[in-house]
C-alpha atoms as a PDB file:
ATOM      1  CA  CYS A   1     -12.971 -22.697   9.664  1.00  0.00           C
ATOM      2  CA  ASP A   2     -16.229 -23.214   7.652  1.00  0.00           C
ATOM      3  CA  LEU A   3     -15.069 -26.650   6.415  1.00  0.00           C
ATOM      4  CA  ALA A   4     -12.985 -28.758   8.745  1.00  0.00           C
ATOM      5  CA  VAL A   5     -11.402 -32.252   8.364  1.00  0.00           C
ATOM      6  CA  PRO A   6     -10.654 -34.879  10.992  1.00  0.00           C
ATOM      7  CA  ASP A   7      -7.494 -34.495  12.997  1.00  0.00           C
ATOM      8  CA  ARG A   8      -6.025 -37.565  11.517  1.00  0.00           C
ATOM      9  CA  PHE A   9      -5.273 -35.656   8.316  1.00  0.00           C
ATOM     10  CA  SER A  10      -2.348 -34.005  10.058  1.00  0.00           C
ATOM     11  CA  ASP A  11      -0.863 -32.572   6.776  1.00  0.00           C
ATOM     12  CA  VAL A  12      -3.942 -30.201   6.344  1.00  0.00           C
ATOM     13  CA  SER A  13      -3.034 -26.917   8.008  1.00  0.00           C
ATOM     14  CA  LEU A  14      -5.232 -25.175  10.582  1.00  0.00           C
ATOM     15  CA  ARG A  15      -5.954 -22.576   7.956  1.00  0.00           C
ATOM     16  CA  HIS A  16      -5.295 -24.126   4.609  1.00  0.00           C
ATOM     17  CA  LEU A  17      -7.395 -22.765   1.766  1.00  0.00           C
ATOM     18  CA  VAL A  18      -9.680 -19.885   0.936  1.00  0.00           C
ATOM     19  CA  LEU A  19     -12.565 -20.461  -1.443  1.00  0.00           C
ATOM     20  CA  LEU A  20     -14.348 -17.588  -3.102  1.00  0.00           C
ATOM     21  CA  THR A  21     -17.554 -18.267  -4.960  1.00  0.00           C
ATOM     22  CA  ARG A  22     -18.924 -15.486  -7.207  1.00  0.00           C
ATOM     23  CA  ALA A  23     -22.070 -15.185  -9.399  1.00  0.00           C
ATOM     24  CA  ILE A  24     -20.869 -13.580 -12.619  1.00  0.00           C
ATOM     25  CA  SER A  25     -24.425 -13.963 -14.274  1.00  0.00           C
ATOM     26  CA  ASN A  26     -27.649 -15.673 -13.536  1.00  0.00           C
ATOM     27  CA  ASP A  27     -26.293 -19.113 -14.498  1.00  0.00           C
ATOM     28  CA  GLU A  28     -22.536 -18.736 -14.280  1.00  0.00           C
ATOM     29  CA  VAL A  29     -20.374 -19.023 -11.224  1.00  0.00           C
ATOM     30  CA  ARG A  30     -16.712 -18.301 -10.840  1.00  0.00           C
ATOM     31  CA  LEU A  31     -14.672 -20.323  -8.276  1.00  0.00           C
ATOM     32  CA  ARG A  32     -11.245 -19.017  -6.973  1.00  0.00           C
ATOM     33  CA  VAL A  33      -9.159 -21.201  -4.523  1.00  0.00           C
ATOM     34  CA  VAL A  34      -6.014 -19.704  -2.833  1.00  0.00           C
ATOM     35  CA  ASP A  35      -3.602 -21.688  -0.789  1.00  0.00           C
ATOM     36  CA  LEU A  36      -2.518 -19.866   2.346  1.00  0.00           C
ATOM     37  CA  ARG A  37       1.136 -20.956   1.742  1.00  0.00           C
ATOM     38  CA  THR A  38       0.732 -24.150   3.597  1.00  0.00           C
ATOM     39  CA  ALA A  39       3.307 -27.070   3.735  1.00  0.00           C
ATOM     40  CA  ILE A  40       1.489 -29.122   1.176  1.00  0.00           C
ATOM     41  CA  GLY A  41      -0.473 -26.727  -1.029  1.00  0.00           C
ATOM     42  CA  PHE A  42      -3.183 -28.405  -3.056  1.00  0.00           C
ATOM     43  CA  ALA A  43      -3.304 -30.440  -6.324  1.00  0.00           C
ATOM     44  CA  ASP A  44      -5.797 -30.764  -9.064  1.00  0.00           C
ATOM     45  CA  GLU A  45      -7.022 -34.059 -10.485  1.00  0.00           C
ATOM     46  CA  SER A  46      -3.833 -34.627 -12.575  1.00  0.00           C
ATOM     47  CA  GLY A  47      -1.636 -34.176  -9.633  1.00  0.00           C
ATOM     48  CA  ARG A  48      -0.203 -30.798 -10.446  1.00  0.00           C
ATOM     49  CA  LEU A  49       0.714 -28.806  -7.313  1.00  0.00           C
ATOM     50  CA  LEU A  50      -1.168 -25.372  -7.276  1.00  0.00           C
ATOM     51  CA  ARG A  51      -1.191 -22.352  -5.044  1.00  0.00           C
ATOM     52  CA  ALA A  52      -4.201 -20.681  -6.653  1.00  0.00           C
ATOM     53  CA  ILE A  53      -6.767 -21.515  -9.351  1.00  0.00           C
ATOM     54  CA  SER A  54      -9.762 -19.759 -10.916  1.00  0.00           C
ATOM     55  CA  SER A  55     -12.483 -21.621 -12.722  1.00  0.00           C
ATOM     56  CA  GLU A  56     -15.872 -21.020 -14.228  1.00  0.00           C
ATOM     57  CA  GLY A  57     -16.961 -24.522 -13.554  1.00  0.00           C
ATOM     58  CA  SER A  58     -16.389 -27.449 -11.089  1.00  0.00           C
ATOM     59  CA  LEU A  59     -13.006 -28.199  -9.475  1.00  0.00           C
ATOM     60  CA  PHE A  60     -11.587 -31.416  -8.197  1.00  0.00           C
ATOM     61  CA  LEU A  61      -8.804 -30.743  -5.624  1.00  0.00           C
ATOM     62  CA  ARG A  62      -6.660 -32.802  -3.264  1.00  0.00           C
ATOM     63  CA  LEU A  63      -5.014 -31.814   0.123  1.00  0.00           C
ATOM     64  CA  GLY A  64      -2.796 -34.565   1.262  1.00  0.00           C
ATOM     65  CA  GLY A  65      -5.279 -37.472   1.837  1.00  0.00           C
ATOM     66  CA  VAL A  66      -8.347 -35.283   1.504  1.00  0.00           C
ATOM     67  CA  ASN A  67     -10.311 -34.954  -1.732  1.00  0.00           C
ATOM     68  CA  ILE A  68     -12.512 -31.972  -2.285  1.00  0.00           C
ATOM     69  CA  VAL A  69     -15.069 -31.827  -5.113  1.00  0.00           C
ATOM     70  CA  LEU A  70     -16.618 -28.390  -5.866  1.00  0.00           C
ATOM     71  CA  LEU A  71     -19.600 -28.809  -8.194  1.00  0.00           C
ATOM     72  CA  VAL A  72     -21.137 -25.828  -9.932  1.00  0.00           C
ATOM     73  CA  THR A  73     -24.892 -26.327 -10.278  1.00  0.00           C
ATOM     74  CA  ALA A  74     -25.807 -22.915 -11.496  1.00  0.00           C
ATOM     75  CA  GLY A  75     -28.402 -23.126 -14.245  1.00  0.00           C
ATOM     76  CA  VAL A  76     -29.310 -26.584 -13.172  1.00  0.00           C
ATOM     77  CA  ASP A  77     -32.910 -26.805 -11.810  1.00  0.00           C
ATOM     78  CA  ALA A  78     -32.616 -30.186 -10.338  1.00  0.00           C
ATOM     79  CA  LEU A  79     -30.075 -32.967 -10.508  1.00  0.00           C
ATOM     80  CA  PRO A  80     -31.164 -36.529 -11.484  1.00  0.00           C
ATOM     81  CA  ASP A  81     -30.875 -39.191  -8.955  1.00  0.00           C
ATOM     82  CA  ASP A  82     -28.475 -41.293 -11.090  1.00  0.00           C
ATOM     83  CA  PRO A  83     -24.883 -40.173 -10.357  1.00  0.00           C
ATOM     84  CA  GLU A  84     -23.782 -40.446 -13.862  1.00  0.00           C
ATOM     85  CA  ASP A  85     -26.690 -38.493 -15.274  1.00  0.00           C
ATOM     86  CA  ALA A  86     -26.266 -35.933 -12.604  1.00  0.00           C
ATOM     87  CA  TYR A  87     -22.725 -35.491 -13.460  1.00  0.00           C
ATOM     88  CA  ALA A  88     -23.542 -34.984 -17.073  1.00  0.00           C
ATOM     89  CA  CYS A  89     -25.637 -31.922 -16.097  1.00  0.00           C
ATOM     90  CA  ILE A  90     -22.656 -30.119 -14.437  1.00  0.00           C
ATOM     91  CA  PRO A  91     -21.555 -27.206 -16.558  1.00  0.00           C
ATOM     92  CA  GLU A  92     -18.263 -27.569 -18.414  1.00  0.00           C
ATOM     93  CA  ARG A  93     -15.237 -26.174 -16.598  1.00  0.00           C
ATOM     94  CA  VAL A  94     -13.306 -23.242 -18.036  1.00  0.00           C
ATOM     95  CA  PHE A  95      -9.967 -22.471 -16.276  1.00  0.00           C
ATOM     96  CA  ILE A  96      -9.290 -18.860 -16.077  1.00  0.00           C
ATOM     97  CA  SER A  97      -5.962 -18.817 -14.362  1.00  0.00           C
ATOM     98  CA  GLU A  98      -3.665 -21.258 -12.504  1.00  0.00           C
ATOM     99  CA  ARG A  99      -0.516 -20.552 -10.383  1.00  0.00           C
ATOM    100  CA  GLU A 100       1.616 -23.521  -9.953  1.00  0.00           C
ATOM    101  CA  GLY A 101       3.881 -24.291  -7.006  1.00  0.00           C
ATOM    102  CA  VAL A 102       4.035 -23.217  -3.318  1.00  0.00           C
ATOM    103  CA  LEU A 103       5.332 -19.800  -2.379  1.00  0.00           C
ATOM    104  CA  GLY A 104       6.139 -20.706   1.127  1.00  0.00           C
ATOM    105  CA  ILE A 105       5.960 -23.572   3.460  1.00  0.00           C
ATOM    106  CA  GLU A 106       5.985 -23.858   7.346  1.00  0.00           C
ATOM    107  CA  ARG A 107       8.774 -26.372   7.569  1.00  0.00           C
ATOM    108  CA  PRO A 108      11.343 -27.911   5.243  1.00  0.00           C
ATOM    109  CA  ARG A 109      10.339 -31.259   3.549  1.00  0.00           C
ATOM    110  CA  LYS A 110      12.295 -33.873   1.861  1.00  0.00           C
ATOM    111  CA  ARG A 111      11.843 -34.795  -1.759  1.00  0.00           C
ATOM    112  CA  GLY A 112       9.149 -37.355  -2.097  1.00  0.00           C
ATOM    113  CA  GLU A 113       7.208 -36.104   0.795  1.00  0.00           C
ATOM    114  CA  GLY A 114       3.838 -34.524  -0.021  1.00  0.00           C
ATOM    115  CA  PRO A 115       2.182 -34.077  -3.443  1.00  0.00           C
ATOM    116  CA  TRP A 116       5.069 -32.202  -5.081  1.00  0.00           C
ATOM    117  CA  ASN A 117       7.501 -35.091  -5.115  1.00  0.00           C
ATOM    118  CA  SER A 118       8.258 -34.374  -8.893  1.00  0.00           C
ATOM    119  CA  HIS A 119       9.170 -30.792  -8.292  1.00  0.00           C
ATOM    120  CA  SER A 120      12.806 -29.815  -7.949  1.00  0.00           C
ATOM    121  CA  SER A 121      12.694 -26.592  -5.910  1.00  0.00           C
ATOM    122  CA  ILE A 122      10.757 -24.975  -3.189  1.00  0.00           C
ATOM    123  CA  THR A 123      10.841 -21.215  -2.164  1.00  0.00           C
ATOM    124  CA  PHE A 124      10.906 -20.419   1.504  1.00  0.00           C
ATOM    125  CA  VAL A 125       9.427 -17.286   3.054  1.00  0.00           C
ATOM    126  CA  ARG A 126      11.399 -16.202   6.145  1.00  0.00           C
ATOM    127  CA  ALA A 127      10.412 -14.138   9.067  1.00  0.00           C
ATOM    128  CA  HIS A 128      11.559 -10.511   9.059  1.00  0.00           C
ATOM    129  CA  ALA A 129      13.135  -9.062  12.178  1.00  0.00           C
ATOM    130  CA  GLY A 130      11.321  -6.829  14.578  1.00  0.00           C
ATOM    131  CA  PRO A 131       7.820  -6.821  16.082  1.00  0.00           C
ATOM    132  CA  LEU A 132       6.255  -5.203  13.021  1.00  0.00           C
ATOM    133  CA  ALA A 133       7.051  -7.007   9.788  1.00  0.00           C
ATOM    134  CA  VAL A 134       6.063  -6.159   6.218  1.00  0.00           C
ATOM    135  CA  ALA A 135       7.668  -7.927   3.274  1.00  0.00           C
ATOM    136  CA  ALA A 136      10.195  -5.802   1.511  1.00  0.00           C
ATOM    137  CA  GLU A 137       8.792  -6.784  -1.979  1.00  0.00           C
ATOM    138  CA  LEU A 138       5.142  -6.825  -2.590  1.00  0.00           C
ATOM    139  CA  CYS A 139       5.643  -5.036  -6.025  1.00  0.00           C
ATOM    140  CA  SER A 140       8.516  -5.797  -8.198  1.00  0.00           C
ATOM    141  CA  GLY A 141      10.296  -3.177 -10.142  1.00  0.00           C
ATOM    142  CA  GLU A 142       9.056  -4.631 -13.344  1.00  0.00           C
ATOM    143  CA  GLU A 143       5.360  -4.445 -12.681  1.00  0.00           C
ATOM    144  CA  GLU A 144       2.886  -1.593 -12.296  1.00  0.00           C
ATOM    145  CA  GLN A 145       1.717  -0.778  -8.785  1.00  0.00           C
ATOM    146  CA  HIS A 146      -1.905  -1.712  -8.130  1.00  0.00           C
ATOM    147  CA  GLY A 147      -2.194  -0.225  -4.680  1.00  0.00           C
ATOM    148  CA  SER A 148      -0.441  -0.006  -1.327  1.00  0.00           C
ATOM    149  CA  VAL A 149      -1.006  -1.057   2.195  1.00  0.00           C
ATOM    150  CA  VAL A 150      -0.294   1.044   5.316  1.00  0.00           C
ATOM    151  CA  VAL A 151       0.168  -0.947   8.494  1.00  0.00           C
ATOM    152  CA  ARG A 152      -0.040   0.582  11.892  1.00  0.00           C
ATOM    153  CA  THR A 153       0.671  -0.822  15.342  1.00  0.00           C
ATOM    154  CA  ASP A 154       1.900   0.502  18.670  1.00  0.00           C
ATOM    155  CA  THR A 155       5.381  -0.178  17.465  1.00  0.00           C
ATOM    156  CA  GLY A 156       5.297   1.832  14.345  1.00  0.00           C
ATOM    157  CA  VAL A 157       3.936   2.473  10.808  1.00  0.00           C
ATOM    158  CA  LEU A 158       5.065   0.970   7.582  1.00  0.00           C
ATOM    159  CA  ARG A 159       3.836   1.461   4.007  1.00  0.00           C
ATOM    160  CA  ARG A 160       4.435  -0.916   1.090  1.00  0.00           C
ATOM    161  CA  PRO A 161       3.340  -0.704  -2.619  1.00  0.00           C
ATOM    162  CA  VAL A 162       1.482  -3.827  -3.849  1.00  0.00           C
ATOM    163  CA  GLY A 163       1.564  -5.179  -7.354  1.00  0.00           C
ATOM    164  CA  VAL A 164      -0.756  -7.397  -9.262  1.00  0.00           C
ATOM    165  CA  ALA A 165       1.325 -10.529  -8.956  1.00  0.00           C
ATOM    166  CA  ALA A 166       1.206 -10.270  -5.127  1.00  0.00           C
ATOM    167  CA  LEU A 167      -2.594  -9.836  -5.150  1.00  0.00           C
ATOM    168  CA  GLU A 168      -3.031 -12.777  -7.521  1.00  0.00           C
ATOM    169  CA  ARG A 169      -1.241 -15.114  -5.123  1.00  0.00           C
ATOM    170  CA  GLY A 170      -2.731 -13.325  -2.159  1.00  0.00           C
ATOM    171  CA  VAL A 171      -1.206 -11.151   0.543  1.00  0.00           C
ATOM    172  CA  LEU A 172      -1.222 -12.792   3.973  1.00  0.00           C
ATOM    173  CA  VAL A 173      -1.457 -10.873   7.243  1.00  0.00           C
ATOM    174  CA  GLY A 174      -0.659 -12.607  10.462  1.00  0.00           C
ATOM    175  CA  ARG A 175       2.060 -13.826  12.766  1.00  0.00           C
ATOM    176  CA  TYR A 176       3.358 -16.856  10.835  1.00  0.00           C
ATOM    177  CA  SER A 177       6.615 -16.331   9.027  1.00  0.00           C
ATOM    178  CA  ARG A 178       4.876 -17.214   5.772  1.00  0.00           C
ATOM    179  CA  CYS A 179       2.769 -14.024   6.067  1.00  0.00           C
ATOM    180  CA  ASP A 180       3.731 -10.878   4.110  1.00  0.00           C
ATOM    181  CA  VAL A 181       2.372  -8.494   6.784  1.00  0.00           C
ATOM    182  CA  GLY A 182       2.057  -8.911  10.543  1.00  0.00           C
ATOM    183  CA  LEU A 183       3.635  -9.061  14.038  1.00  0.00           C
ATOM    184  CA  ARG A 184       6.615 -11.274  15.002  1.00  0.00           C
ATOM    185  CA  ALA A 185       6.046 -10.684  18.704  1.00  0.00           C
ATOM    186  CA  HIS A 186       4.611 -13.140  21.062  1.00  0.00           C
ATOM    187  CA  GLU A 187       2.074 -15.985  21.407  1.00  0.00           C
ATOM    188  CA  GLU A 188      -0.262 -13.775  23.449  1.00  0.00           C
ATOM    189  CA  SER A 189      -0.702 -11.453  20.435  1.00  0.00           C
ATOM    190  CA  ARG A 190      -4.447 -10.874  19.433  1.00  0.00           C
ATOM    191  CA  LEU A 191      -3.423 -11.265  15.814  1.00  0.00           C
ATOM    192  CA  SER A 192      -3.869 -14.733  14.481  1.00  0.00           C
ATOM    193  CA  ARG A 193      -1.100 -16.744  12.910  1.00  0.00           C
ATOM    194  CA  VAL A 194      -2.881 -16.366   9.642  1.00  0.00           C
ATOM    195  CA  HIS A 195      -5.412 -13.473  10.153  1.00  0.00           C
ATOM    196  CA  LEU A 196      -6.343 -12.064   6.770  1.00  0.00           C
ATOM    197  CA  LEU A 197      -5.898 -12.557   3.074  1.00  0.00           C
ATOM    198  CA  ILE A 198      -5.908  -9.713   0.570  1.00  0.00           C
ATOM    199  CA  VAL A 199      -6.632 -11.070  -2.867  1.00  0.00           C
ATOM    200  CA  ARG A 200      -7.618  -9.784  -6.372  1.00  0.00           C
ATOM    201  CA  ASP A 201     -10.659 -11.234  -8.101  1.00  0.00           C
ATOM    202  CA  GLY A 202     -11.217  -9.781 -11.471  1.00  0.00           C
ATOM    203  CA  GLU A 203     -10.651  -6.121 -11.262  1.00  0.00           C
ATOM    204  CA  GLU A 204     -11.549  -5.849  -7.520  1.00  0.00           C
ATOM    205  CA  VAL A 205      -9.446  -6.487  -4.397  1.00  0.00           C
ATOM    206  CA  PHE A 206     -11.018  -8.173  -1.336  1.00  0.00           C
ATOM    207  CA  ALA A 207      -9.995  -8.668   2.240  1.00  0.00           C
ATOM    208  CA  VAL A 208     -11.005 -12.067   3.669  1.00  0.00           C
ATOM    209  CA  ASP A 209     -10.796 -12.932   7.322  1.00  0.00           C
ATOM    210  CA  THR A 210      -9.218 -16.430   7.553  1.00  0.00           C
ATOM    211  CA  ALA A 211     -11.061 -17.764  10.509  1.00  0.00           C
ATOM    212  CA  SER A 212      -9.098 -15.492  12.868  1.00  0.00           C
ATOM    213  CA  THR A 213      -9.690 -15.859  16.653  1.00  0.00           C
ATOM    214  CA  ASN A 214     -10.386 -12.133  17.356  1.00  0.00           C
ATOM    215  CA  GLY A 215     -11.775 -11.019  14.044  1.00  0.00           C
ATOM    216  CA  THR A 216     -11.491  -8.124  11.586  1.00  0.00           C
ATOM    217  CA  ARG A 217     -13.577  -4.992  11.873  1.00  0.00           C
ATOM    218  CA  PHE A 218     -14.427  -2.247   9.526  1.00  0.00           C
ATOM    219  CA  MET A 219     -15.980   0.842  10.828  1.00  0.00           C
ATOM    220  CA  ASP A 220     -16.611  -0.873  14.170  1.00  0.00           C
ATOM    221  CA  ARG A 221     -18.416  -3.783  12.472  1.00  0.00           C
ATOM    222  CA  GLU A 222     -16.986  -7.219  12.258  1.00  0.00           C
ATOM    223  CA  VAL A 223     -16.583  -8.486   8.648  1.00  0.00           C
ATOM    224  CA  LEU A 224     -15.623 -11.743   7.092  1.00  0.00           C
ATOM    225  CA  LEU A 225     -15.268 -10.426   3.575  1.00  0.00           C
ATOM    226  CA  LYS A 226     -14.802  -6.750   2.451  1.00  0.00           C
ATOM    227  CA  ARG A 227     -14.212  -5.367  -0.990  1.00  0.00           C
ATOM    228  CA  LEU A 228     -11.495  -2.907  -0.505  1.00  0.00           C
ATOM    229  CA  ASP A 229     -11.987   0.693  -1.724  1.00  0.00           C
ATOM    230  CA  ASP A 230      -9.486   3.413  -1.600  1.00  0.00           C
ATOM    231  CA  GLY A 231      -8.838   4.536   2.040  1.00  0.00           C
ATOM    232  CA  ASP A 232     -10.563   1.625   3.774  1.00  0.00           C
ATOM    233  CA  LYS A 233      -9.120   0.827   7.165  1.00  0.00           C
ATOM    234  CA  LEU A 234      -9.424  -2.645   8.714  1.00  0.00           C
ATOM    235  CA  GLU A 235      -8.726  -3.258  12.402  1.00  0.00           C
ATOM    236  CA  LEU A 236      -7.236  -6.802  13.001  1.00  0.00           C
ATOM    237  CA  GLY A 237      -7.777  -8.220  16.497  1.00  0.00           C
ATOM    238  CA  GLY A 238      -7.649  -4.680  18.082  1.00  0.00           C
ATOM    239  CA  GLU A 239      -3.875  -4.931  17.601  1.00  0.00           C
ATOM    240  CA  LEU A 240      -3.067  -4.063  13.983  1.00  0.00           C
ATOM    241  CA  ASP A 241      -4.691  -1.449  11.612  1.00  0.00           C
ATOM    242  CA  LEU A 242      -4.255  -1.929   7.861  1.00  0.00           C
ATOM    243  CA  THR A 243      -5.323   0.671   5.373  1.00  0.00           C
ATOM    244  CA  TRP A 244      -5.647  -0.003   1.639  1.00  0.00           C
ATOM    245  CA  HIS A 245      -4.864   2.730  -0.928  1.00  0.00           C
ATOM    246  CA  GLN A 246      -5.701   2.206  -4.627  1.00  0.00           C
ATOM    247  CA  ALA A 247      -3.159   3.471  -7.096  1.00  0.00           C
ATOM    248  CA  ALA A 248      -4.140   6.342  -9.117  1.00  0.00           C
END
């Protein structure tokens, strides 16, 4: 991972968050944070449990016992030495979207454990049978299809439509049961437990390699982030091919 915490923070998952930072003008930056369906998710400064958030401004997040401060300094030439004066220079935050709750967790937890102790319910994502697994529902019958994924391995081919809601929360590819797409085969697989995130930012869709062991390739070049255009095919760990098709 690009940012790691000490091992004593055992509640933080091996692959916990994806942070996307995007310049939308010369002095404006948009931050998007997506939880990779971990056991504890993340919370904002008011303690609300979130699974995704977008902001045109600074963010204050908590992962178990870890506090993360993301300060946007675009448009600020130099910060004063005094902390209070420096903080006053930080641009105002504008929250674009927030998605509360945790879609899936790695193991059951008791009420009062973790930052969601005031929430009454948790949704579990369970593994699908077979070596090649794709979630049955990535696009509900009530929403417009935004695109589709075609997944190919030595064991077969599957195609699933993908809706905006799935792309907003993020489509996970990997071997963990919390992933939407992947392999449920063996530990020797070259596909990481959480290998790739497909997520929508604005009107565009991106594939983000989530610190996988064996990498993600596009046209024989390793990529960490790729904007997905119609027909783009990614090779994950040399074991799974995923092709994105944009809806007409």
